[in-house]
N, C-alpha and C. Protein backbone atom coordinates (compact mmCIF):
# COMPACT_ATOMS: atom_id res chain seq x y z
N UNK A 1 7.08 -9.55 -30.70
CA UNK A 1 6.69 -8.54 -29.73
C UNK A 1 6.38 -9.19 -28.37
N UNK A 2 5.76 -10.35 -28.38
CA UNK A 2 5.41 -11.02 -27.13
C UNK A 2 6.66 -11.32 -26.30
N UNK A 3 7.74 -11.77 -26.96
CA UNK A 3 8.98 -12.05 -26.24
C UNK A 3 9.59 -10.79 -25.65
N UNK A 4 9.52 -9.69 -26.40
CA UNK A 4 10.06 -8.42 -25.91
C UNK A 4 9.23 -7.93 -24.72
N UNK A 5 7.92 -8.09 -24.82
CA UNK A 5 7.04 -7.68 -23.73
C UNK A 5 7.34 -8.49 -22.47
N UNK A 6 7.47 -9.79 -22.62
CA UNK A 6 7.78 -10.65 -21.49
C UNK A 6 9.13 -10.27 -20.88
N UNK A 7 10.11 -9.99 -21.74
CA UNK A 7 11.44 -9.61 -21.25
C UNK A 7 11.39 -8.29 -20.50
N UNK A 8 10.58 -7.35 -20.97
CA UNK A 8 10.48 -6.04 -20.31
C UNK A 8 9.82 -6.17 -18.93
N UNK A 9 8.78 -6.97 -18.83
CA UNK A 9 8.13 -7.19 -17.53
C UNK A 9 9.10 -7.91 -16.60
N UNK A 10 9.80 -8.93 -17.10
CA UNK A 10 10.77 -9.67 -16.30
C UNK A 10 11.88 -8.74 -15.79
N UNK A 11 12.32 -7.81 -16.65
CA UNK A 11 13.36 -6.85 -16.26
C UNK A 11 12.91 -6.02 -15.05
N UNK A 12 11.67 -5.51 -15.10
CA UNK A 12 11.17 -4.69 -13.99
C UNK A 12 10.98 -5.51 -12.72
N UNK A 13 10.51 -6.73 -12.87
CA UNK A 13 10.34 -7.58 -11.69
C UNK A 13 11.69 -7.97 -11.10
N UNK A 14 12.68 -8.24 -11.95
CA UNK A 14 14.01 -8.60 -11.48
C UNK A 14 14.66 -7.43 -10.74
N UNK A 15 14.52 -6.23 -11.30
CA UNK A 15 15.10 -5.04 -10.65
C UNK A 15 14.47 -4.77 -9.28
N UNK A 16 13.22 -5.16 -9.13
CA UNK A 16 12.53 -4.91 -7.86
C UNK A 16 12.43 -6.17 -7.00
N UNK A 17 13.16 -7.22 -7.35
CA UNK A 17 13.09 -8.48 -6.59
C UNK A 17 13.39 -8.29 -5.10
N UNK A 18 14.41 -7.50 -4.73
CA UNK A 18 14.63 -7.30 -3.29
C UNK A 18 13.45 -6.62 -2.60
N UNK A 19 12.86 -5.64 -3.27
CA UNK A 19 11.68 -4.98 -2.71
C UNK A 19 10.54 -5.98 -2.55
N UNK A 20 10.30 -6.79 -3.57
CA UNK A 20 9.22 -7.77 -3.51
C UNK A 20 9.47 -8.79 -2.40
N UNK A 21 10.72 -9.19 -2.23
CA UNK A 21 11.05 -10.15 -1.16
C UNK A 21 10.79 -9.53 0.21
N UNK A 22 11.20 -8.27 0.39
CA UNK A 22 10.97 -7.61 1.68
C UNK A 22 9.49 -7.35 1.92
N UNK A 23 8.74 -7.08 0.85
CA UNK A 23 7.28 -6.93 1.01
C UNK A 23 6.66 -8.27 1.40
N UNK A 24 7.22 -9.36 0.89
CA UNK A 24 6.75 -10.69 1.29
C UNK A 24 6.95 -10.92 2.79
N UNK A 25 8.08 -10.48 3.30
CA UNK A 25 8.34 -10.58 4.75
C UNK A 25 7.34 -9.70 5.51
N UNK A 26 7.07 -8.51 4.98
CA UNK A 26 6.10 -7.61 5.62
C UNK A 26 4.71 -8.25 5.65
N UNK A 27 4.34 -8.93 4.57
CA UNK A 27 3.04 -9.61 4.54
C UNK A 27 2.99 -10.66 5.64
N UNK A 28 4.04 -11.46 5.75
CA UNK A 28 4.09 -12.50 6.77
C UNK A 28 3.95 -11.89 8.17
N UNK A 29 4.71 -10.83 8.44
CA UNK A 29 4.65 -10.18 9.76
C UNK A 29 3.27 -9.59 10.02
N UNK A 30 2.73 -8.88 9.03
CA UNK A 30 1.47 -8.17 9.21
C UNK A 30 0.30 -9.13 9.39
N UNK A 31 0.30 -10.22 8.66
CA UNK A 31 -0.78 -11.20 8.80
C UNK A 31 -0.71 -11.87 10.17
N UNK A 32 0.49 -12.19 10.62
CA UNK A 32 0.64 -12.86 11.91
C UNK A 32 0.37 -11.94 13.10
N UNK A 33 0.90 -10.72 13.06
CA UNK A 33 0.88 -9.87 14.26
C UNK A 33 0.16 -8.53 14.08
N UNK A 34 -0.23 -8.21 12.85
CA UNK A 34 -0.80 -6.90 12.51
C UNK A 34 0.17 -5.78 12.83
N UNK A 35 1.45 -6.08 12.71
CA UNK A 35 2.52 -5.09 12.89
C UNK A 35 3.56 -5.30 11.81
N UNK A 36 4.17 -4.20 11.40
CA UNK A 36 5.30 -4.25 10.47
C UNK A 36 6.48 -3.68 11.23
N UNK A 37 7.50 -4.47 11.40
CA UNK A 37 8.64 -4.11 12.24
C UNK A 37 9.45 -2.97 11.62
N UNK A 38 9.98 -2.13 12.50
CA UNK A 38 10.79 -0.98 12.07
C UNK A 38 12.05 -1.42 11.31
N UNK A 39 12.67 -2.52 11.73
CA UNK A 39 13.89 -2.96 11.05
C UNK A 39 13.60 -3.29 9.59
N UNK A 40 12.37 -3.77 9.31
CA UNK A 40 12.03 -4.12 7.94
C UNK A 40 11.77 -2.87 7.10
N UNK A 41 10.99 -1.93 7.64
CA UNK A 41 10.73 -0.71 6.86
C UNK A 41 12.02 0.09 6.68
N UNK A 42 12.90 0.07 7.69
CA UNK A 42 14.19 0.76 7.55
C UNK A 42 15.03 0.08 6.48
N UNK A 43 14.99 -1.24 6.42
CA UNK A 43 15.75 -1.97 5.39
C UNK A 43 15.24 -1.65 3.99
N UNK A 44 13.92 -1.59 3.85
CA UNK A 44 13.34 -1.25 2.54
C UNK A 44 13.75 0.16 2.16
N UNK A 45 13.63 1.10 3.09
CA UNK A 45 14.00 2.49 2.82
C UNK A 45 15.47 2.61 2.45
N UNK A 46 16.36 2.07 3.29
CA UNK A 46 17.81 2.22 3.05
C UNK A 46 18.25 1.53 1.76
N UNK A 47 17.69 0.37 1.48
CA UNK A 47 18.08 -0.30 0.23
C UNK A 47 17.55 0.45 -0.99
N UNK A 48 16.38 1.05 -0.86
CA UNK A 48 15.85 1.87 -1.96
C UNK A 48 16.69 3.11 -2.20
N UNK A 49 17.14 3.75 -1.11
CA UNK A 49 17.99 4.93 -1.26
C UNK A 49 19.36 4.55 -1.82
N UNK A 50 19.91 3.43 -1.37
CA UNK A 50 21.20 2.98 -1.89
C UNK A 50 21.08 2.65 -3.37
N UNK A 51 19.98 2.02 -3.75
CA UNK A 51 19.75 1.69 -5.16
C UNK A 51 19.66 2.96 -6.00
N UNK A 52 19.09 4.01 -5.43
CA UNK A 52 18.95 5.28 -6.15
C UNK A 52 20.30 5.95 -6.39
N UNK A 53 21.30 5.62 -5.58
CA UNK A 53 22.64 6.20 -5.75
C UNK A 53 23.46 5.52 -6.84
N UNK A 54 23.00 4.38 -7.32
CA UNK A 54 23.73 3.65 -8.36
C UNK A 54 23.59 4.43 -9.68
N UNK A 55 24.72 4.81 -10.29
CA UNK A 55 24.65 5.54 -11.56
C UNK A 55 23.91 4.73 -12.63
N UNK A 56 23.01 5.38 -13.32
CA UNK A 56 22.26 4.71 -14.38
C UNK A 56 21.17 3.80 -13.87
N UNK A 57 20.85 3.89 -12.59
CA UNK A 57 19.80 3.06 -12.00
C UNK A 57 18.42 3.47 -12.48
N UNK A 58 17.42 2.69 -12.11
CA UNK A 58 16.05 2.97 -12.57
C UNK A 58 15.52 4.34 -12.14
N UNK A 59 15.86 4.78 -10.91
CA UNK A 59 15.47 6.13 -10.49
C UNK A 59 16.65 6.78 -9.78
N UNK A 60 16.65 8.10 -9.77
CA UNK A 60 17.72 8.83 -9.12
C UNK A 60 17.41 9.11 -7.65
N UNK A 61 18.38 9.72 -6.98
CA UNK A 61 18.26 10.00 -5.56
C UNK A 61 17.11 10.97 -5.27
N UNK A 62 16.96 11.98 -6.10
CA UNK A 62 15.87 12.95 -5.92
C UNK A 62 14.51 12.30 -6.08
N UNK A 63 14.39 11.42 -7.08
CA UNK A 63 13.11 10.72 -7.30
C UNK A 63 12.81 9.78 -6.14
N UNK A 64 13.85 9.17 -5.57
CA UNK A 64 13.64 8.29 -4.41
C UNK A 64 13.10 9.09 -3.23
N UNK A 65 13.70 10.25 -2.96
CA UNK A 65 13.21 11.09 -1.87
C UNK A 65 11.80 11.59 -2.15
N UNK A 66 11.53 11.92 -3.42
CA UNK A 66 10.17 12.36 -3.79
C UNK A 66 9.17 11.22 -3.55
N UNK A 67 9.57 9.99 -3.87
CA UNK A 67 8.70 8.84 -3.62
C UNK A 67 8.40 8.67 -2.15
N UNK A 68 9.40 8.89 -1.31
CA UNK A 68 9.20 8.80 0.14
C UNK A 68 8.21 9.88 0.59
N UNK A 69 8.42 11.10 0.13
CA UNK A 69 7.54 12.21 0.51
C UNK A 69 6.10 12.00 0.06
N UNK A 70 5.94 11.55 -1.17
CA UNK A 70 4.59 11.29 -1.69
C UNK A 70 3.94 10.16 -0.89
N UNK A 71 4.72 9.13 -0.57
CA UNK A 71 4.19 8.03 0.24
C UNK A 71 3.67 8.50 1.57
N UNK A 72 4.42 9.39 2.21
CA UNK A 72 3.98 9.94 3.50
C UNK A 72 2.70 10.77 3.31
N UNK A 73 2.69 11.63 2.31
CA UNK A 73 1.52 12.48 2.09
C UNK A 73 0.26 11.67 1.77
N UNK A 74 0.42 10.58 1.05
CA UNK A 74 -0.73 9.75 0.72
C UNK A 74 -1.36 9.12 1.96
N UNK A 75 -0.54 8.84 2.95
CA UNK A 75 -1.02 8.11 4.14
C UNK A 75 -1.48 9.00 5.28
N UNK A 76 -1.06 10.24 5.33
CA UNK A 76 -1.32 11.10 6.49
C UNK A 76 -2.81 11.17 6.83
N UNK A 77 -3.66 11.42 5.86
CA UNK A 77 -5.10 11.52 6.13
C UNK A 77 -5.66 10.23 6.69
N UNK A 78 -5.21 9.10 6.16
CA UNK A 78 -5.71 7.81 6.63
C UNK A 78 -5.19 7.48 8.02
N UNK A 79 -4.01 7.98 8.34
CA UNK A 79 -3.47 7.81 9.70
C UNK A 79 -4.34 8.61 10.68
N UNK A 80 -4.70 9.83 10.29
CA UNK A 80 -5.46 10.71 11.18
C UNK A 80 -6.85 10.16 11.51
N UNK A 81 -7.46 9.43 10.57
CA UNK A 81 -8.79 8.87 10.87
C UNK A 81 -8.69 7.43 11.39
N UNK A 82 -7.48 6.93 11.55
CA UNK A 82 -7.29 5.61 12.13
C UNK A 82 -7.43 4.46 11.14
N UNK A 83 -7.46 4.76 9.84
CA UNK A 83 -7.61 3.71 8.85
C UNK A 83 -6.29 2.98 8.58
N UNK A 84 -5.18 3.64 8.82
CA UNK A 84 -3.85 3.03 8.66
C UNK A 84 -3.06 3.25 9.94
N UNK A 85 -2.09 2.40 10.15
CA UNK A 85 -1.19 2.56 11.29
C UNK A 85 0.14 3.12 10.86
N UNK A 86 0.98 3.40 11.84
CA UNK A 86 2.30 3.96 11.55
C UNK A 86 3.17 3.03 10.73
N UNK A 87 3.07 1.74 10.97
CA UNK A 87 3.85 0.78 10.18
C UNK A 87 3.44 0.79 8.72
N UNK A 88 2.15 0.99 8.46
CA UNK A 88 1.66 1.07 7.09
C UNK A 88 2.24 2.30 6.38
N UNK A 89 2.24 3.43 7.09
CA UNK A 89 2.82 4.66 6.53
C UNK A 89 4.29 4.45 6.20
N UNK A 90 5.04 3.85 7.14
CA UNK A 90 6.48 3.62 6.90
C UNK A 90 6.70 2.67 5.75
N UNK A 91 5.82 1.68 5.59
CA UNK A 91 5.95 0.73 4.48
C UNK A 91 5.73 1.42 3.14
N UNK A 92 4.70 2.25 3.05
CA UNK A 92 4.41 2.97 1.80
C UNK A 92 5.55 3.94 1.48
N UNK A 93 6.01 4.68 2.48
CA UNK A 93 7.11 5.64 2.26
C UNK A 93 8.39 4.92 1.84
N UNK A 94 8.69 3.80 2.49
CA UNK A 94 9.90 3.05 2.15
C UNK A 94 9.82 2.49 0.73
N UNK A 95 8.65 1.99 0.35
CA UNK A 95 8.47 1.51 -1.02
C UNK A 95 8.61 2.66 -2.01
N UNK A 96 8.22 3.87 -1.59
CA UNK A 96 8.41 5.04 -2.44
C UNK A 96 9.87 5.30 -2.76
N UNK A 97 10.78 4.95 -1.84
CA UNK A 97 12.21 5.10 -2.11
C UNK A 97 12.65 4.17 -3.24
N UNK A 98 12.01 3.05 -3.38
CA UNK A 98 12.32 2.12 -4.47
C UNK A 98 11.67 2.52 -5.79
N UNK A 99 10.45 3.04 -5.71
CA UNK A 99 9.64 3.21 -6.92
C UNK A 99 9.61 4.62 -7.47
N UNK A 100 9.75 5.62 -6.61
CA UNK A 100 9.62 7.00 -7.05
C UNK A 100 8.20 7.50 -6.87
N UNK A 101 7.96 8.78 -7.16
CA UNK A 101 6.68 9.40 -6.82
C UNK A 101 5.47 8.91 -7.63
N UNK A 102 5.59 8.80 -8.93
CA UNK A 102 4.43 8.41 -9.74
C UNK A 102 4.06 6.95 -9.51
N UNK A 103 5.01 6.02 -9.55
CA UNK A 103 4.62 4.63 -9.27
C UNK A 103 4.06 4.41 -7.86
N UNK A 104 4.53 5.16 -6.86
CA UNK A 104 3.99 4.94 -5.52
C UNK A 104 2.54 5.43 -5.44
N UNK A 105 2.19 6.44 -6.21
CA UNK A 105 0.79 6.87 -6.30
C UNK A 105 -0.05 5.74 -6.90
N UNK A 106 0.46 5.13 -7.97
CA UNK A 106 -0.25 4.00 -8.60
C UNK A 106 -0.38 2.83 -7.63
N UNK A 107 0.70 2.52 -6.92
CA UNK A 107 0.67 1.41 -5.95
C UNK A 107 -0.36 1.71 -4.86
N UNK A 108 -0.38 2.93 -4.38
CA UNK A 108 -1.32 3.30 -3.32
C UNK A 108 -2.76 3.17 -3.82
N UNK A 109 -3.02 3.65 -5.02
CA UNK A 109 -4.38 3.57 -5.58
C UNK A 109 -4.80 2.11 -5.79
N UNK A 110 -3.92 1.31 -6.36
CA UNK A 110 -4.25 -0.10 -6.59
C UNK A 110 -4.41 -0.83 -5.25
N UNK A 111 -3.57 -0.51 -4.27
CA UNK A 111 -3.69 -1.17 -2.97
C UNK A 111 -5.01 -0.79 -2.30
N UNK A 112 -5.50 0.41 -2.52
CA UNK A 112 -6.80 0.81 -1.97
C UNK A 112 -7.92 -0.05 -2.57
N UNK A 113 -7.85 -0.30 -3.86
CA UNK A 113 -8.86 -1.14 -4.53
C UNK A 113 -8.76 -2.58 -4.03
N UNK A 114 -7.54 -3.09 -3.92
CA UNK A 114 -7.34 -4.46 -3.42
C UNK A 114 -7.84 -4.57 -1.98
N UNK A 115 -7.50 -3.59 -1.14
CA UNK A 115 -7.93 -3.61 0.27
C UNK A 115 -9.45 -3.54 0.37
N UNK A 116 -10.07 -2.68 -0.44
CA UNK A 116 -11.52 -2.56 -0.42
C UNK A 116 -12.16 -3.89 -0.82
N UNK A 117 -11.62 -4.52 -1.82
CA UNK A 117 -12.14 -5.82 -2.26
C UNK A 117 -12.00 -6.86 -1.15
N UNK A 118 -10.84 -6.87 -0.50
CA UNK A 118 -10.63 -7.82 0.60
C UNK A 118 -11.62 -7.60 1.73
N UNK A 119 -11.87 -6.36 2.08
CA UNK A 119 -12.79 -6.05 3.17
C UNK A 119 -14.22 -6.45 2.81
N UNK A 120 -14.63 -6.16 1.59
CA UNK A 120 -15.99 -6.52 1.16
C UNK A 120 -16.17 -8.03 1.14
N UNK A 121 -15.20 -8.76 0.60
CA UNK A 121 -15.28 -10.22 0.58
C UNK A 121 -15.32 -10.78 2.00
N UNK A 122 -14.46 -10.24 2.86
CA UNK A 122 -14.44 -10.70 4.26
C UNK A 122 -15.78 -10.44 4.94
N UNK A 123 -16.33 -9.26 4.76
CA UNK A 123 -17.62 -8.93 5.38
C UNK A 123 -18.73 -9.81 4.81
N UNK A 124 -18.68 -10.08 3.52
CA UNK A 124 -19.68 -10.95 2.90
C UNK A 124 -19.61 -12.36 3.47
N UNK A 125 -18.40 -12.91 3.56
CA UNK A 125 -18.23 -14.27 4.08
C UNK A 125 -18.66 -14.38 5.54
N UNK A 126 -18.51 -13.30 6.30
CA UNK A 126 -18.90 -13.30 7.71
C UNK A 126 -20.33 -12.79 7.92
N UNK A 127 -21.02 -12.53 6.81
CA UNK A 127 -22.40 -12.02 6.85
C UNK A 127 -22.50 -10.71 7.63
N UNK A 128 -21.58 -9.81 7.32
CA UNK A 128 -21.53 -8.52 8.01
C UNK A 128 -21.52 -7.34 7.04
N UNK A 129 -22.10 -7.53 5.88
CA UNK A 129 -22.13 -6.44 4.90
C UNK A 129 -22.92 -5.24 5.43
N UNK A 130 -24.02 -5.49 6.13
CA UNK A 130 -24.81 -4.39 6.70
C UNK A 130 -24.00 -3.58 7.69
N UNK A 131 -23.25 -4.26 8.55
CA UNK A 131 -22.40 -3.56 9.52
C UNK A 131 -21.32 -2.77 8.81
N UNK A 132 -20.74 -3.35 7.78
CA UNK A 132 -19.71 -2.65 7.00
C UNK A 132 -20.30 -1.39 6.37
N UNK A 133 -21.50 -1.51 5.79
CA UNK A 133 -22.14 -0.35 5.17
C UNK A 133 -22.43 0.74 6.21
N UNK A 134 -22.93 0.34 7.38
CA UNK A 134 -23.21 1.32 8.44
C UNK A 134 -21.94 2.04 8.87
N UNK A 135 -20.89 1.29 9.15
CA UNK A 135 -19.63 1.90 9.59
C UNK A 135 -19.06 2.81 8.51
N UNK A 136 -19.18 2.41 7.25
CA UNK A 136 -18.68 3.23 6.15
C UNK A 136 -19.46 4.54 6.06
N UNK A 137 -20.78 4.46 6.18
CA UNK A 137 -21.61 5.67 6.14
C UNK A 137 -21.32 6.58 7.33
N UNK A 138 -21.15 6.01 8.52
CA UNK A 138 -20.84 6.80 9.72
C UNK A 138 -19.53 7.55 9.53
N UNK A 139 -18.50 6.84 9.11
CA UNK A 139 -17.20 7.46 8.91
C UNK A 139 -17.25 8.48 7.78
N UNK A 140 -17.93 8.14 6.69
CA UNK A 140 -18.04 9.05 5.55
C UNK A 140 -18.77 10.34 5.90
N UNK A 141 -19.84 10.23 6.69
CA UNK A 141 -20.58 11.43 7.06
C UNK A 141 -19.74 12.36 7.94
N UNK A 142 -18.92 11.79 8.79
CA UNK A 142 -18.06 12.61 9.64
C UNK A 142 -16.96 13.27 8.82
N UNK A 143 -16.45 12.57 7.84
CA UNK A 143 -15.41 13.15 6.98
C UNK A 143 -15.99 14.28 6.15
N UNK A 144 -17.19 14.07 5.59
CA UNK A 144 -17.84 15.11 4.78
C UNK A 144 -18.12 16.35 5.61
N UNK A 145 -18.50 16.16 6.85
CA UNK A 145 -18.78 17.32 7.73
C UNK A 145 -17.49 17.90 8.30
N UNK A 146 -16.37 17.33 7.91
CA UNK A 146 -15.05 17.78 8.36
C UNK A 146 -14.95 17.83 9.88
N UNK A 147 -15.54 16.84 10.51
CA UNK A 147 -15.46 16.71 11.96
C UNK A 147 -14.62 15.50 12.28
N UNK A 148 -13.92 15.63 13.36
CA UNK A 148 -13.18 14.47 13.83
C UNK A 148 -14.18 13.50 14.46
N UNK A 149 -14.10 12.25 14.05
CA UNK A 149 -15.01 11.25 14.61
C UNK A 149 -14.61 11.00 16.05
N UNK A 150 -15.57 11.14 16.94
CA UNK A 150 -15.32 10.91 18.36
C UNK A 150 -15.04 9.43 18.59
N UNK A 151 -14.10 9.16 19.46
CA UNK A 151 -13.73 7.77 19.73
C UNK A 151 -14.92 6.98 20.25
N UNK A 152 -15.76 7.59 21.05
CA UNK A 152 -16.93 6.91 21.57
C UNK A 152 -17.88 6.44 20.48
N UNK A 153 -18.03 7.29 19.44
CA UNK A 153 -18.89 6.90 18.32
C UNK A 153 -18.36 5.64 17.65
N UNK A 154 -17.08 5.64 17.37
CA UNK A 154 -16.50 4.49 16.68
C UNK A 154 -16.52 3.25 17.57
N UNK A 155 -16.26 3.44 18.85
CA UNK A 155 -16.26 2.30 19.76
C UNK A 155 -17.65 1.69 19.85
N UNK A 156 -18.67 2.54 20.03
CA UNK A 156 -20.02 2.00 20.14
C UNK A 156 -20.47 1.40 18.82
N UNK A 157 -20.14 2.04 17.71
CA UNK A 157 -20.49 1.47 16.41
C UNK A 157 -19.72 0.18 16.18
N UNK A 158 -18.47 0.16 16.61
CA UNK A 158 -17.66 -1.03 16.44
C UNK A 158 -18.15 -2.20 17.27
N UNK A 159 -18.67 -1.90 18.46
CA UNK A 159 -19.21 -2.98 19.31
C UNK A 159 -20.57 -3.44 18.80
N UNK A 160 -21.41 -2.48 18.38
CA UNK A 160 -22.75 -2.82 17.92
C UNK A 160 -22.73 -3.38 16.51
N UNK A 161 -21.96 -2.77 15.63
CA UNK A 161 -21.93 -3.15 14.23
C UNK A 161 -20.52 -3.57 13.83
N UNK A 162 -20.02 -4.60 14.43
CA UNK A 162 -18.66 -5.07 14.17
C UNK A 162 -18.61 -5.68 12.76
N UNK A 163 -17.90 -5.02 11.86
CA UNK A 163 -17.83 -5.53 10.49
C UNK A 163 -16.58 -6.37 10.26
N UNK A 164 -15.55 -6.19 11.06
CA UNK A 164 -14.33 -6.99 10.93
C UNK A 164 -13.85 -7.41 12.31
N UNK A 165 -13.23 -8.57 12.38
CA UNK A 165 -12.72 -9.06 13.65
C UNK A 165 -11.40 -8.40 14.01
N UNK A 166 -10.53 -8.26 13.02
CA UNK A 166 -9.21 -7.68 13.23
C UNK A 166 -8.94 -6.69 12.10
N UNK A 167 -8.05 -5.74 12.32
CA UNK A 167 -7.74 -4.79 11.24
C UNK A 167 -7.15 -5.51 10.04
N UNK A 168 -7.35 -4.93 8.88
CA UNK A 168 -6.80 -5.48 7.64
C UNK A 168 -5.28 -5.39 7.67
N UNK A 169 -4.57 -6.46 7.34
CA UNK A 169 -3.12 -6.37 7.23
C UNK A 169 -2.76 -5.66 5.92
N UNK A 170 -2.47 -4.37 6.01
CA UNK A 170 -2.28 -3.54 4.81
C UNK A 170 -1.11 -3.99 3.95
N UNK A 171 -0.15 -4.73 4.51
CA UNK A 171 0.98 -5.19 3.70
C UNK A 171 0.52 -6.12 2.58
N UNK A 172 -0.60 -6.82 2.79
CA UNK A 172 -1.09 -7.74 1.75
C UNK A 172 -1.51 -6.97 0.49
N UNK A 173 -2.45 -6.02 0.58
CA UNK A 173 -2.79 -5.28 -0.64
C UNK A 173 -1.62 -4.46 -1.17
N UNK A 174 -0.75 -4.00 -0.29
CA UNK A 174 0.42 -3.23 -0.73
C UNK A 174 1.34 -4.10 -1.59
N UNK A 175 1.59 -5.32 -1.17
CA UNK A 175 2.46 -6.22 -1.94
C UNK A 175 1.82 -6.60 -3.27
N UNK A 176 0.53 -6.91 -3.23
CA UNK A 176 -0.19 -7.25 -4.48
C UNK A 176 -0.16 -6.08 -5.44
N UNK A 177 -0.43 -4.89 -4.93
CA UNK A 177 -0.45 -3.69 -5.77
C UNK A 177 0.92 -3.39 -6.35
N UNK A 178 1.98 -3.57 -5.55
CA UNK A 178 3.33 -3.32 -6.05
C UNK A 178 3.65 -4.26 -7.20
N UNK A 179 3.32 -5.53 -7.06
CA UNK A 179 3.55 -6.50 -8.12
C UNK A 179 2.76 -6.12 -9.38
N UNK A 180 1.49 -5.77 -9.22
CA UNK A 180 0.67 -5.39 -10.37
C UNK A 180 1.18 -4.13 -11.06
N UNK A 181 1.61 -3.15 -10.28
CA UNK A 181 2.13 -1.91 -10.88
C UNK A 181 3.44 -2.17 -11.61
N UNK A 182 4.31 -2.99 -11.03
CA UNK A 182 5.57 -3.31 -11.72
C UNK A 182 5.30 -4.02 -13.05
N UNK A 183 4.35 -4.93 -13.05
CA UNK A 183 3.98 -5.59 -14.31
C UNK A 183 3.41 -4.57 -15.28
N UNK A 184 2.55 -3.69 -14.79
CA UNK A 184 1.97 -2.65 -15.64
C UNK A 184 3.00 -1.70 -16.19
N UNK A 185 3.99 -1.33 -15.38
CA UNK A 185 5.05 -0.44 -15.86
C UNK A 185 5.84 -1.14 -16.97
N UNK A 186 6.12 -2.41 -16.80
CA UNK A 186 6.84 -3.16 -17.84
C UNK A 186 6.07 -3.21 -19.13
N UNK A 187 4.75 -3.39 -19.03
CA UNK A 187 3.91 -3.43 -20.23
C UNK A 187 3.83 -2.06 -20.88
N UNK A 188 3.62 -1.01 -20.07
CA UNK A 188 3.50 0.36 -20.61
C UNK A 188 4.80 0.83 -21.24
N UNK A 189 5.92 0.53 -20.60
CA UNK A 189 7.19 0.96 -21.17
C UNK A 189 7.43 0.28 -22.52
N UNK A 190 6.99 -0.96 -22.65
CA UNK A 190 7.13 -1.65 -23.92
C UNK A 190 6.26 -0.97 -24.97
N UNK A 191 5.03 -0.58 -24.57
CA UNK A 191 4.14 0.10 -25.50
C UNK A 191 4.70 1.43 -25.95
N UNK A 192 5.38 2.14 -25.07
CA UNK A 192 5.99 3.43 -25.41
C UNK A 192 7.17 3.21 -26.35
N UNK A 193 7.93 2.14 -26.10
CA UNK A 193 9.12 1.87 -26.91
C UNK A 193 8.77 1.38 -28.31
N UNK A 194 7.57 0.81 -28.50
CA UNK A 194 7.24 0.27 -29.83
C UNK A 194 6.83 1.34 -30.80
């Protein structure tokens, strides 16, 4: 069973190797410049859609489009509050073309946990946990009251209680989450097949 499990995980990772390679490029770009280039997200999207057209492929064309749509819907709220940028949205949507709707939800959820962990560790190492907690409470209270956070509030809080030096490069947790979900899908599919 162990050999079959290993083979099933390897199969899923091999099928998604181009996606993982392109996510690696996105990580490099995002860490260096805090930007994800349009040519890269377009390449991920187009290759995912082309892969979906292959007969007998892992997902069909409809599932690829559904993955793109779900990816966009998952990011819209975070874009509106300034937690994600447009490049992040395009990266999630493009990955949805490769993975389909259910796996992109899993990737998004896992990437949120990875990103949260990265932010907490970063704030701890910089001795800014108090500032992070304050900013989180400020943003949370505005979301609960369904009010748009005024830019002045965030700017003054950001200057007074700076919890991070630069925005989080979202491609990093996205790539880690994609790898973890692909491994998980390989393990789960093996469990279903047994």
